[in-house]
Amino acid sequence: MRPAPLPALALAALTALYARPAAAQRAAYARPDELAPEGPAHVLDFSLQARYARVLDPDRAAGLANLGGFALRTRVLLGRTVGYVGGLDGEVGGSDTGAVYGLTAHVLGAGLRWGAAGVVALHAGAGFDGVVGSVPLAARFPVQLMVACDLGPVRLQAHAGIAFVAGAPERRDGSSWLPLGDEVDAGLLVRLGRQRRYWSRTSGGGGPGLGVVYREFMGTRSVGVVLALELTGAQ
């Protein structure tokens, strides 16, 4: 095959260079809903949190009264409408009695999405946590329901779940009213910052968040506050 002459190659290059800005100009005037979907569909929530919690009955938790630290919470939904949900939670900090630590992988889950980045999901996983000197290290198997939605300039995220505990008899039946499971946890977070659409089905949002958390364990309860940096991307 004979090589293409230089003038023909130059003409092809000029045509490619011209086509790119022309296509960009057309895209600039197109509405987002007129453009084709880009890539695989997913929703990703990422939250970096600073937490403080107060235990309401320290005597039931070996003198544990105050906990503080940092937490990471991530969730991903893979699918345009219905899809797989997974995530990772981690925590490290301190308390009256010693270090606070925990790590949980949410590996089994399904969810439904709507709008730019609305999600309702049910998922389960496995992990461990504890507080040195008061809450014994134990394996945890949580089952959790999560809802996230955008309301104008804010984004709400709420979760509630139960956990089954193995490896620490002191932590079994830690909730006085729970008929199934050993521990209860719930939380609500409000992010300041709307979700903005950047392309056909691509949106993103982020900002500071303020929330509350609640937990029942070892026959007592704790309530706390959360300051967070919250980021959400959806496609």
Foldseek 3Di string as FASTA:
>chain_A
DDDDDPVVVVVVVVVVVVVVVVVVVVQVPDDQQVDDDDDFWKKKKKKKKWKKKAWPDCVLQQNWGIWTWIKIWMKMATDDFKGFIWIKIWIWTATPAAIWTKIKTWHGKMWGADDLHWIWMKTKTKIWIAGPRTGDIWIKIKIKIWTWDFDPQKIKIKMKIAIATPDDVLWACQDPPDPDHRKIKIKMKIFGGGWADDHNNKIKIWHKIKMKMKMTTSPIIMIMIMIITMIMITD
